[in-house]
Structure formats: C-alpha cells, structure tokens
Amino acid sequence: VQSQLVCSGCRNLLLYPLGASSVCCAVCNAVTAVPPP
C-alpha cells in the first residue's frame, strides 16, 4: 500500500510506502517529512 505526499521542494507528487517517516524526492532531492497519521 502506498500513500501520496507533495514534495516540499518542487511540489512534485511523491509516492511512499506506509510507515515511512520521511520521503526523499527523486526530482529535486528535497526531504519531506511525512505527517503523523
């Protein structure tokens, strides 16, 4: 199961697995914190 998040750097849509605490954008390499559920 994957969830979606908007990148804090480039506003790209990021897909990440549930349980991740942060996501690194493949486009701009910004690290976006995942909000708690």
PDB file of N, CA and C in Angstrom:
ATOM      1  N   VAL A   1       0.851  -1.193   0.000  1.00  0.00           N
ATOM      2  CA  VAL A   1       0.000   0.000   0.000  1.00  0.00           C
ATOM      3  C   VAL A   1       0.886   1.241   0.000  1.00  0.00           C
ATOM      4  N   GLN A   2       0.560   2.187  -0.858  1.00  0.00           N
ATOM      5  CA  GLN A   2       1.341   3.420  -0.935  1.00  0.00           C
ATOM      6  C   GLN A   2       0.476   4.628  -0.619  1.00  0.00           C
ATOM      7  N   SER A   3       1.102   5.659  -0.110  1.00  0.00           N
ATOM      8  CA  SER A   3       0.414   6.908   0.166  1.00  0.00           C
ATOM      9  C   SER A   3       1.048   8.000  -0.685  1.00  0.00           C
ATOM     10  N   GLN A   4       0.402   9.172  -0.736  1.00  0.00           N
ATOM     11  CA  GLN A   4       0.897  10.258  -1.574  1.00  0.00           C
ATOM     12  C   GLN A   4       1.187  11.492  -0.735  1.00  0.00           C
ATOM     13  N   LEU A   5       2.175  12.265  -1.184  1.00  0.00           N
ATOM     14  CA  LEU A   5       2.611  13.455  -0.472  1.00  0.00           C
ATOM     15  C   LEU A   5       3.148  14.433  -1.502  1.00  0.00           C
ATOM     16  N   VAL A   6       2.961  15.733  -1.258  1.00  0.00           N
ATOM     17  CA  VAL A   6       3.507  16.739  -2.168  1.00  0.00           C
ATOM     18  C   VAL A   6       4.891  17.154  -1.677  1.00  0.00           C
ATOM     19  N   CYS A   7       5.863  17.150  -2.568  1.00  0.00           N
ATOM     20  CA  CYS A   7       7.235  17.496  -2.212  1.00  0.00           C
ATOM     21  C   CYS A   7       7.327  18.925  -1.699  1.00  0.00           C
ATOM     22  N   SER A   8       8.088  19.110  -0.602  1.00  0.00           N
ATOM     23  CA  SER A   8       8.237  20.443  -0.022  1.00  0.00           C
ATOM     24  C   SER A   8       9.144  21.331  -0.876  1.00  0.00           C
ATOM     25  N   GLY A   9       9.933  20.720  -1.746  1.00  0.00           N
ATOM     26  CA  GLY A   9      10.861  21.497  -2.565  1.00  0.00           C
ATOM     27  C   GLY A   9      10.290  21.892  -3.917  1.00  0.00           C
ATOM     28  N   CYS A  10       9.810  20.894  -4.698  1.00  0.00           N
ATOM     29  CA  CYS A  10       9.398  21.171  -6.078  1.00  0.00           C
ATOM     30  C   CYS A  10       7.913  20.949  -6.322  1.00  0.00           C
ATOM     31  N   ARG A  11       7.172  20.604  -5.286  1.00  0.00           N
ATOM     32  CA  ARG A  11       5.725  20.385  -5.376  1.00  0.00           C
ATOM     33  C   ARG A  11       5.345  19.185  -6.224  1.00  0.00           C
ATOM     34  N   ASN A  12       6.308  18.324  -6.524  1.00  0.00           N
ATOM     35  CA  ASN A  12       6.021  17.097  -7.261  1.00  0.00           C
ATOM     36  C   ASN A  12       5.260  16.126  -6.362  1.00  0.00           C
ATOM     37  N   LEU A  13       4.439  15.288  -6.954  1.00  0.00           N
ATOM     38  CA  LEU A  13       3.709  14.298  -6.170  1.00  0.00           C
ATOM     39  C   LEU A  13       4.605  13.104  -5.880  1.00  0.00           C
ATOM     40  N   LEU A  14       4.752  12.784  -4.591  1.00  0.00           N
ATOM     41  CA  LEU A  14       5.608  11.674  -4.188  1.00  0.00           C
ATOM     42  C   LEU A  14       4.770  10.497  -3.724  1.00  0.00           C
ATOM     43  N   LEU A  15       5.164   9.304  -4.122  1.00  0.00           N
ATOM     44  CA  LEU A  15       4.531   8.079  -3.628  1.00  0.00           C
ATOM     45  C   LEU A  15       5.483   7.435  -2.637  1.00  0.00           C
ATOM     46  N   TYR A  16       4.957   7.006  -1.498  1.00  0.00           N
ATOM     47  CA  TYR A  16       5.824   6.397  -0.495  1.00  0.00           C
ATOM     48  C   TYR A  16       5.077   5.293   0.234  1.00  0.00           C
ATOM     49  N   PRO A  17       5.806   4.298   0.735  1.00  0.00           N
ATOM     50  CA  PRO A  17       5.155   3.208   1.476  1.00  0.00           C
ATOM     51  C   PRO A  17       4.691   3.684   2.842  1.00  0.00           C
ATOM     52  N   LEU A  18       3.581   3.155   3.311  1.00  0.00           N
ATOM     53  CA  LEU A  18       3.097   3.493   4.641  1.00  0.00           C
ATOM     54  C   LEU A  18       4.135   3.083   5.679  1.00  0.00           C
ATOM     55  N   GLY A  19       4.345   3.930   6.677  1.00  0.00           N
ATOM     56  CA  GLY A  19       5.311   3.631   7.716  1.00  0.00           C
ATOM     57  C   GLY A  19       6.591   4.436   7.556  1.00  0.00           C
ATOM     58  N   ALA A  20       6.761   5.076   6.397  1.00  0.00           N
ATOM     59  CA  ALA A  20       7.951   5.906   6.201  1.00  0.00           C
ATOM     60  C   ALA A  20       7.837   7.168   7.049  1.00  0.00           C
ATOM     61  N   SER A  21       8.969   7.645   7.583  1.00  0.00           N
ATOM     62  CA  SER A  21       8.944   8.854   8.408  1.00  0.00           C
ATOM     63  C   SER A  21       9.282  10.088   7.585  1.00  0.00           C
ATOM     64  N   SER A  22       9.961   9.881   6.455  1.00  0.00           N
ATOM     65  CA  SER A  22      10.261  10.976   5.546  1.00  0.00           C
ATOM     66  C   SER A  22      10.464  10.408   4.146  1.00  0.00           C
ATOM     67  N   VAL A  23      10.345  11.293   3.144  1.00  0.00           N
ATOM     68  CA  VAL A  23      10.462  10.860   1.755  1.00  0.00           C
ATOM     69  C   VAL A  23      11.461  11.761   1.040  1.00  0.00           C
ATOM     70  N   CYS A  24      12.386  11.152   0.295  1.00  0.00           N
ATOM     71  CA  CYS A  24      13.336  11.936  -0.485  1.00  0.00           C
ATOM     72  C   CYS A  24      12.841  12.008  -1.931  1.00  0.00           C
ATOM     73  N   CYS A  25      12.709  13.223  -2.441  1.00  0.00           N
ATOM     74  CA  CYS A  25      12.206  13.427  -3.800  1.00  0.00           C
ATOM     75  C   CYS A  25      13.252  13.011  -4.831  1.00  0.00           C
ATOM     76  N   ALA A  26      12.830  12.231  -5.823  1.00  0.00           N
ATOM     77  CA  ALA A  26      13.748  11.780  -6.865  1.00  0.00           C
ATOM     78  C   ALA A  26      14.064  12.902  -7.856  1.00  0.00           C
ATOM     79  N   VAL A  27      13.214  13.939  -7.893  1.00  0.00           N
ATOM     80  CA  VAL A  27      13.392  15.022  -8.855  1.00  0.00           C
ATOM     81  C   VAL A  27      14.352  16.090  -8.333  1.00  0.00           C
ATOM     82  N   CYS A  28      14.093  16.586  -7.094  1.00  0.00           N
ATOM     83  CA  CYS A  28      14.901  17.691  -6.574  1.00  0.00           C
ATOM     84  C   CYS A  28      15.723  17.310  -5.342  1.00  0.00           C
ATOM     85  N   ASN A  29      15.577  16.063  -4.864  1.00  0.00           N
ATOM     86  CA  ASN A  29      16.337  15.556  -3.717  1.00  0.00           C
ATOM     87  C   ASN A  29      15.992  16.213  -2.386  1.00  0.00           C
ATOM     88  N   ALA A  30      14.893  16.953  -2.331  1.00  0.00           N
ATOM     89  CA  ALA A  30      14.457  17.510  -1.053  1.00  0.00           C
ATOM     90  C   ALA A  30      13.874  16.392  -0.196  1.00  0.00           C
ATOM     91  N   VAL A  31      14.068  16.492   1.117  1.00  0.00           N
ATOM     92  CA  VAL A  31      13.499  15.505   2.028  1.00  0.00           C
ATOM     93  C   VAL A  31      12.257  16.098   2.669  1.00  0.00           C
ATOM     94  N   THR A  32      11.123  15.422   2.503  1.00  0.00           N
ATOM     95  CA  THR A  32       9.852  15.891   3.042  1.00  0.00           C
ATOM     96  C   THR A  32       9.421  14.991   4.189  1.00  0.00           C
ATOM     97  N   ALA A  33       9.109  15.592   5.329  1.00  0.00           N
ATOM     98  CA  ALA A  33       8.654  14.811   6.479  1.00  0.00           C
ATOM     99  C   ALA A  33       7.229  14.343   6.234  1.00  0.00           C
ATOM    100  N   VAL A  34       6.944  13.100   6.619  1.00  0.00           N
ATOM    101  CA  VAL A  34       5.601  12.552   6.481  1.00  0.00           C
ATOM    102  C   VAL A  34       4.795  12.927   7.723  1.00  0.00           C
ATOM    103  N   PRO A  35       3.627  13.560   7.543  1.00  0.00           N
ATOM    104  CA  PRO A  35       2.807  13.918   8.711  1.00  0.00           C
ATOM    105  C   PRO A  35       2.328  12.667   9.441  1.00  0.00           C
ATOM    106  N   PRO A  36       2.216  12.732  10.765  1.00  0.00           N
ATOM    107  CA  PRO A  36       1.719  11.572  11.512  1.00  0.00           C
ATOM    108  C   PRO A  36       0.281  11.251  11.121  1.00  0.00           C
ATOM    109  N   PRO A  37      -0.108   9.986  11.139  1.00  0.00           N
ATOM    110  CA  PRO A  37      -1.461   9.576  10.733  1.00  0.00           C
ATOM    111  C   PRO A  37      -2.535  10.098  11.680  1.00  0.00           C
TER     112      PRO A  37
END
